[in-house]
Protein backbone atom coordinates (compact mmCIF):
# COMPACT_ATOMS: atom_id res chain seq x y z
CA UNK A 1 4.86 -17.44 56.71
CA UNK A 2 4.83 -14.63 54.13
CA UNK A 3 7.65 -13.87 51.78
CA UNK A 4 9.85 -11.01 52.75
CA UNK A 5 10.01 -8.17 50.29
CA UNK A 6 13.53 -7.54 49.15
CA UNK A 7 14.78 -4.20 50.32
CA UNK A 8 15.87 -1.88 47.52
CA UNK A 9 19.38 -0.59 47.99
CA UNK A 10 20.38 3.00 47.40
CA UNK A 11 22.38 1.97 44.34
CA UNK A 12 19.42 0.22 42.75
CA UNK A 13 17.18 3.25 43.34
CA UNK A 14 19.81 5.49 41.83
CA UNK A 15 20.16 3.25 38.76
CA UNK A 16 16.36 3.18 38.42
CA UNK A 17 16.11 6.98 38.28
CA UNK A 18 19.07 7.20 35.90
CA UNK A 19 17.40 4.67 33.56
CA UNK A 20 14.12 6.54 33.85
CA UNK A 21 15.92 9.74 32.89
CA UNK A 22 17.27 8.11 29.73
CA UNK A 23 13.80 6.78 28.86
CA UNK A 24 12.02 10.05 29.60
CA UNK A 25 12.77 11.81 26.24
CA UNK A 26 11.33 8.89 24.24
CA UNK A 27 8.38 8.54 26.61
CA UNK A 28 7.45 12.21 26.52
CA UNK A 29 8.13 12.33 22.78
CA UNK A 30 5.65 9.48 22.28
CA UNK A 31 3.06 11.21 24.48
CA UNK A 32 3.44 14.61 22.80
CA UNK A 33 3.93 13.63 19.16
CA UNK A 34 2.07 10.29 18.85
CA UNK A 35 -0.43 9.37 21.56
CA UNK A 36 -1.44 12.98 22.22
CA UNK A 37 -2.37 13.86 18.62
CA UNK A 38 -4.17 10.53 18.17
CA UNK A 39 -6.37 11.10 21.22
CA UNK A 40 -6.85 14.74 20.24
CA UNK A 41 -8.07 13.71 16.77
CA UNK A 42 -10.53 11.28 18.38
CA UNK A 43 -11.95 14.09 20.51
CA UNK A 44 -12.06 16.47 17.52
CA UNK A 45 -14.00 13.90 15.46
CA UNK A 46 -16.97 14.51 17.77
CA UNK A 47 -17.01 18.24 16.98
CA UNK A 48 -17.75 20.47 13.99
CA UNK A 49 -14.37 22.23 14.21
CA UNK A 50 -13.87 24.31 11.05
CA UNK A 51 -10.77 26.47 10.64
CA UNK A 52 -12.72 28.97 8.54
CA UNK A 53 -14.90 29.71 11.57
CA UNK A 54 -17.99 29.98 9.38
CA UNK A 55 -20.04 28.16 12.02
CA UNK A 56 -19.87 28.26 15.82
CA UNK A 57 -17.79 25.51 17.41
CA UNK A 58 -19.90 22.83 19.11
CA UNK A 59 -19.94 19.17 20.06
CA UNK A 60 -21.65 17.04 17.41
CA UNK A 61 -20.99 13.64 19.02
CA UNK A 62 -21.72 10.99 16.30
CA UNK A 63 -23.02 13.41 13.70
CA UNK A 64 -19.79 13.35 11.67
CA UNK A 65 -19.86 9.56 11.57
CA UNK A 66 -23.51 9.52 10.51
CA UNK A 67 -22.71 12.01 7.75
CA UNK A 68 -19.76 9.85 6.71
CA UNK A 69 -22.01 6.81 6.25
CA UNK A 70 -24.18 8.83 3.85
CA UNK A 71 -21.25 10.52 2.12
CA UNK A 72 -21.14 9.28 -1.47
CA UNK A 73 -17.62 10.63 -1.95
CA UNK A 74 -16.33 8.62 1.02
CA UNK A 75 -17.55 5.36 -0.51
CA UNK A 76 -16.28 6.25 -3.98
CA UNK A 77 -12.84 7.00 -2.58
CA UNK A 78 -12.98 3.82 -0.51
CA UNK A 79 -13.55 1.93 -3.78
CA UNK A 80 -10.64 3.84 -5.34
CA UNK A 81 -8.44 2.77 -2.43
CA UNK A 82 -9.44 -0.86 -2.90
CA UNK A 83 -8.94 -0.67 -6.67
CA UNK A 84 -5.38 0.61 -6.27
CA UNK A 85 -4.64 -2.47 -4.15
CA UNK A 86 -5.39 -4.83 -7.05
CA UNK A 87 -1.72 -4.87 -7.94
CA UNK A 88 -0.73 -6.13 -4.49
CA UNK A 89 -0.84 -9.90 -5.30
CA UNK A 90 1.23 -9.34 -8.44
CA UNK A 91 3.77 -7.31 -6.48
CA UNK A 92 4.06 -9.95 -3.74
CA UNK A 93 4.40 -12.81 -6.24
CA UNK A 94 6.95 -10.78 -8.22
CA UNK A 95 8.98 -10.14 -5.07
CA UNK A 96 8.98 -13.86 -4.25
CA UNK A 97 9.96 -14.83 -7.79
CA UNK A 98 12.74 -12.26 -7.85
CA UNK A 99 14.00 -13.34 -4.43
CA UNK A 100 14.17 -16.97 -5.55
CA UNK A 101 16.16 -15.97 -8.62
CA UNK A 102 18.55 -13.78 -6.62
CA UNK A 103 18.98 -16.52 -4.01
CA UNK A 104 20.67 -18.72 -6.59
CA UNK A 105 24.45 -18.85 -6.86
CA UNK A 106 24.80 -16.28 -9.60
CA UNK A 107 27.82 -14.21 -10.52
CA UNK A 108 27.18 -10.58 -9.53
CA UNK A 109 24.11 -11.44 -7.44
CA UNK A 110 24.96 -8.64 -4.99
CA UNK A 111 24.95 -6.11 -7.83
CA UNK A 112 21.56 -7.33 -9.07
CA UNK A 113 20.12 -7.13 -5.56
CA UNK A 114 21.35 -3.55 -5.24
CA UNK A 115 19.93 -2.53 -8.62
CA UNK A 116 16.53 -4.04 -7.92
CA UNK A 117 16.36 -2.37 -4.50
CA UNK A 118 17.47 1.02 -5.86
CA UNK A 119 13.93 2.41 -6.43
CA UNK A 120 13.25 2.10 -2.68
CA UNK A 121 16.28 4.25 -1.91
CA UNK A 122 15.28 6.93 -4.41
CA UNK A 123 12.92 9.64 -3.23
CA UNK A 124 9.28 8.69 -3.80
CA UNK A 125 8.42 12.16 -5.11
CA UNK A 126 11.28 11.99 -7.63
CA UNK A 127 10.06 8.60 -8.89
CA UNK A 128 6.50 9.87 -9.26
CA UNK A 129 7.63 12.91 -11.24
CA UNK A 130 9.63 10.56 -13.47
CA UNK A 131 6.64 8.25 -14.02
CA UNK A 132 4.40 11.22 -14.70
CA UNK A 133 6.75 12.18 -17.54
CA UNK A 134 6.86 8.56 -18.76
CA UNK A 135 3.04 8.52 -18.94
CA UNK A 136 2.79 11.76 -20.90
CA UNK A 137 0.27 10.95 -23.69
CA UNK A 138 1.98 13.15 -26.30
CA UNK A 139 5.72 12.50 -25.96
CA UNK A 140 6.08 10.03 -23.09
CA UNK A 141 8.27 6.96 -23.77
CA UNK A 142 5.48 4.57 -22.71
CA UNK A 143 3.00 5.76 -25.35
CA UNK A 144 5.77 6.16 -27.92
CA UNK A 145 6.64 2.47 -27.49
CA UNK A 146 2.98 1.38 -27.59
CA UNK A 147 2.24 3.37 -30.76
CA UNK A 148 5.40 2.00 -32.40
CA UNK A 149 4.32 -1.54 -31.55
CA UNK A 150 0.79 -0.94 -32.92
CA UNK A 151 2.13 0.52 -36.13
CA UNK A 152 4.93 -1.93 -36.90
CA UNK A 153 3.00 -5.09 -36.03
CA UNK A 154 -0.16 -3.99 -37.90
CA UNK A 155 -2.30 -4.29 -34.78
CA UNK A 156 -4.92 -1.85 -36.10
CA UNK A 157 -5.25 -3.74 -39.38
CA UNK A 158 -5.89 -6.94 -37.44
CA UNK A 159 -8.46 -5.24 -35.18
CA UNK A 160 -10.31 -3.74 -38.14
CA UNK A 161 -10.28 -7.11 -39.90
CA UNK A 162 -11.97 -8.57 -36.83
CA UNK A 163 -14.60 -5.80 -36.91
CA UNK A 164 -13.08 -3.40 -34.36
CA UNK A 165 -12.31 0.32 -34.66
CA UNK A 166 -8.58 0.20 -34.11
CA UNK A 167 -6.43 0.89 -31.06
CA UNK A 168 -4.19 3.62 -29.76
CA UNK A 169 -2.11 4.28 -26.68
CA UNK A 170 -4.19 5.27 -23.64
CA UNK A 171 -4.00 8.79 -22.18
CA UNK A 172 -3.13 7.20 -18.81
CA UNK A 173 -3.25 9.90 -16.10
CA UNK A 174 -5.84 11.88 -18.04
CA UNK A 175 -8.34 9.04 -18.39
CA UNK A 176 -11.11 7.86 -16.07
CA UNK A 177 -11.26 4.42 -17.71
CA UNK A 178 -10.27 1.32 -15.79
CA UNK A 179 -10.07 -2.46 -16.11
CA UNK A 180 -13.33 -2.99 -14.19
CA UNK A 181 -15.32 -0.44 -16.19
CA UNK A 182 -16.35 1.62 -13.14
CA UNK A 183 -17.78 5.10 -13.55
CA UNK A 184 -15.85 7.87 -11.75
CA UNK A 185 -18.87 9.53 -10.12
CA UNK A 186 -21.12 6.57 -9.37
CA UNK A 187 -20.93 3.03 -8.01
CA UNK A 188 -21.81 1.29 -11.25
CA UNK A 189 -20.16 -0.31 -14.27
CA UNK A 190 -20.49 0.64 -17.93
CA UNK A 191 -19.03 -0.76 -21.13
CA UNK A 192 -17.71 2.66 -22.14
CA UNK A 193 -15.46 2.78 -19.09
CA UNK A 194 -13.39 -0.32 -19.83
CA UNK A 195 -9.77 0.46 -20.64
CA UNK A 196 -6.56 1.74 -19.10
CA UNK A 197 -6.61 4.97 -17.14
CA UNK A 198 -5.09 6.89 -14.26
CA UNK A 199 -5.74 4.24 -11.62
CA UNK A 200 -4.14 1.53 -13.73
CA UNK A 201 -1.12 3.75 -14.37
CA UNK A 202 -0.59 4.14 -10.62
CA UNK A 203 -0.99 0.38 -10.10
CA UNK A 204 1.67 -0.38 -12.73
CA UNK A 205 4.04 2.12 -11.13
CA UNK A 206 3.37 0.60 -7.70
CA UNK A 207 4.10 -2.92 -8.92
CA UNK A 208 7.37 -1.78 -10.50
CA UNK A 209 8.43 -0.09 -7.27
CA UNK A 210 7.35 -2.88 -4.90
CA UNK A 211 8.71 -5.96 -6.69
CA UNK A 212 12.34 -5.15 -5.90
CA UNK A 213 11.65 -3.45 -2.59
CA UNK A 214 11.42 -4.45 1.04
CA UNK A 215 9.35 -7.56 0.29
CA UNK A 216 12.15 -8.93 -1.85
CA UNK A 217 14.63 -8.36 1.00
CA UNK A 218 12.31 -10.11 3.47
CA UNK A 219 11.94 -13.11 1.18
CA UNK A 220 15.70 -13.25 0.61
CA UNK A 221 16.26 -13.31 4.37
CA UNK A 222 13.64 -16.05 4.79
CA UNK A 223 15.10 -18.14 1.96
CA UNK A 224 18.55 -17.97 3.53
CA UNK A 225 17.11 -19.54 6.70
CA UNK A 226 15.58 -22.56 4.96
CA UNK A 227 17.59 -25.62 5.94
CA UNK A 228 19.41 -27.28 3.06
CA UNK A 229 18.75 -30.64 4.74
CA UNK A 230 15.09 -30.31 3.76
CA UNK A 231 16.01 -29.86 0.09
CA UNK A 232 18.43 -32.80 0.23
CA UNK A 233 15.77 -35.02 1.80
CA UNK A 234 13.23 -33.97 -0.83
CA UNK A 235 15.75 -34.62 -3.60
CA UNK A 236 16.44 -38.10 -2.25
CA UNK A 237 12.68 -38.76 -2.30
CA UNK A 238 12.68 -37.85 -5.99
CA UNK A 239 10.95 -34.45 -5.70
CA UNK A 240 11.25 -32.14 -8.68
CA UNK A 241 11.67 -28.37 -8.71
CA UNK A 242 7.95 -27.62 -8.34
CA UNK A 243 7.49 -30.27 -5.63
CA UNK A 244 10.40 -28.81 -3.67
CA UNK A 245 8.91 -25.33 -3.87
CA UNK A 246 5.41 -26.52 -2.93
CA UNK A 247 6.39 -28.81 -0.05
CA UNK A 248 9.59 -27.23 1.26
CA UNK A 249 10.10 -23.61 0.23
CA UNK A 250 6.54 -22.32 0.39
CA UNK A 251 5.69 -23.75 3.86
CA UNK A 252 8.94 -22.34 5.25
CA UNK A 253 8.08 -18.92 3.82
CA UNK A 254 4.58 -18.90 5.33
CA UNK A 255 5.41 -16.61 8.31
CA UNK A 256 7.17 -14.12 6.01
CA UNK A 257 4.33 -14.20 3.49
CA UNK A 258 1.79 -13.68 6.25
CA UNK A 259 3.70 -10.65 7.54
CA UNK A 260 4.05 -9.21 4.04
CA UNK A 261 0.33 -9.66 3.28
CA UNK A 262 -0.75 -8.01 6.54
CA UNK A 263 1.61 -5.07 6.09
CA UNK A 264 0.66 -4.72 2.41
CA UNK A 265 -3.03 -4.45 3.31
CA UNK A 266 -2.28 -1.84 5.96
CA UNK A 267 -0.01 0.12 3.61
CA UNK A 268 -2.50 -0.14 0.75
CA UNK A 269 -5.41 1.17 2.80
CA UNK A 270 -3.27 4.04 4.09
CA UNK A 271 -1.64 4.75 0.74
CA UNK A 272 -2.36 6.80 -2.33
CA UNK A 273 -1.68 10.24 -0.90
CA UNK A 274 1.68 10.93 -2.54
CA UNK A 275 0.56 9.62 -5.93
CA UNK A 276 -2.55 11.78 -5.88
CA UNK A 277 -0.73 14.85 -4.60
CA UNK A 278 2.21 14.67 -6.99
CA UNK A 279 0.85 13.00 -10.13
CA UNK A 280 -2.86 13.65 -10.53
CA UNK A 281 -4.19 16.01 -7.87
CA UNK A 282 -6.77 13.32 -7.13
CA UNK A 283 -8.16 13.40 -10.66
CA UNK A 284 -9.32 12.93 -13.26
CA UNK A 285 -12.83 13.27 -11.79
CA UNK A 286 -11.60 12.00 -8.43
CA UNK A 287 -10.61 8.55 -9.75
CA UNK A 288 -7.22 8.60 -7.98
CA UNK A 289 -8.46 10.15 -4.73
CA UNK A 290 -7.98 7.63 -1.94
CA UNK A 291 -9.20 7.89 1.65
CA UNK A 292 -5.80 9.21 2.75
CA UNK A 293 -5.92 12.00 0.17
CA UNK A 294 -9.59 12.67 1.00
CA UNK A 295 -8.58 13.27 4.63
CA UNK A 296 -5.95 15.75 3.46
CA UNK A 297 -8.43 17.60 1.24
CA UNK A 298 -11.06 17.84 3.97
CA UNK A 299 -8.56 18.98 6.61
CA UNK A 300 -6.14 21.26 4.76
CA UNK A 301 -8.06 22.47 1.72
CA UNK A 302 -11.64 22.63 3.00
CA UNK A 303 -10.55 23.12 6.65
CA UNK A 304 -13.17 20.70 8.02
CA UNK A 305 -10.95 19.37 10.79
CA UNK A 306 -13.76 17.63 12.68
CA UNK A 307 -15.03 15.72 9.67
CA UNK A 308 -11.50 14.88 8.50
CA UNK A 309 -10.77 13.42 11.94
CA UNK A 310 -13.91 11.28 11.70
CA UNK A 311 -12.79 9.98 8.29
CA UNK A 312 -9.37 9.21 9.80
CA UNK A 313 -10.90 7.12 12.56
CA UNK A 314 -13.21 5.39 10.09
CA UNK A 315 -10.13 4.47 8.07
CA UNK A 316 -8.47 3.20 11.25
CA UNK A 317 -11.47 0.95 11.97
CA UNK A 318 -11.39 -0.41 8.40
CA UNK A 319 -7.67 -1.20 8.71
CA UNK A 320 -8.22 -2.76 12.14
CA UNK A 321 -11.05 -4.96 10.83
CA UNK A 322 -9.05 -6.07 7.77
CA UNK A 323 -6.04 -6.87 9.96
CA UNK A 324 -8.20 -8.97 12.28
CA UNK A 325 -9.56 -10.91 9.30
CA UNK A 326 -6.02 -11.51 8.05
CA UNK A 327 -4.97 -12.78 11.47
CA UNK A 328 -7.99 -15.05 11.77
CA UNK A 329 -7.68 -16.73 8.37
CA UNK A 330 -3.95 -16.30 7.78
CA UNK A 331 -2.50 -17.42 11.08
CA UNK A 332 -3.54 -21.03 10.43
CA UNK A 333 -1.02 -21.15 7.56
CA UNK A 334 1.82 -20.53 10.02
CA UNK A 335 1.65 -24.04 11.45
CA UNK A 336 3.77 -26.41 9.42
């Protein structure tokens, strides 16, 4: 004997349509402003659409993607994107360390939390303009402090005594040098390129901004959920501070750390646009041009909409692949 289907009453049908009416603005907003443009960009990536109309519009299918694989600039800017993510581990560790400190019973802890989180509330463009002034090689406070330190602690005398040529403050945003010694226009390393340059300046600024940001708040929330019974049991067993952190705190923070790492990778691969646009214009010699800024240049400066869409989808596939790798190797740490 089959089950009888429950008959829908007039009131239930009326409530269904009312609920659907409330959901409709969000649904159509998602279709028009999110899903629609995403699917449109996918279709455009298979064309040679150029806003300058210098060539007839036609379907190119996978031609843009084949060109992308041979595009030297794409790979250079992909390396730039990866280089700017080198500060991510430091930022995550700094957020954890700061959260542990602020989780202690300190007088004025709420004030400290507010002060450390303040850079996230401030406009990103305003912070970048401020840091651009700080990095000014002629009168910026950063180089003024470095030169003072070199002069008053006789750093140059020591370097010359050891056979060097002396040291001076780096030009920061005007320099193509970097900690890995990479050339700006080629995928190779040279001894003349070792130093501090524009990419390192952006990394330092990013670390300063991220340490007291959302990651710190997430760690504070996770620390507040760690049961005190675990610490008491560890203390009874004679565990010290490091043992408590290693065997109690860190395992309990594993889900939060996993989430932060995944989101940091996604944000890092998508990032770099504002810094390049506001601080460096993608220079010097393209060293601060990331894939996100490259998409902007191709689409809105060179008007190659089709190719820019292909680069966007290539970036999506990179982010998707990296996220899958994080899930595969990071999810195992969630079981404790």
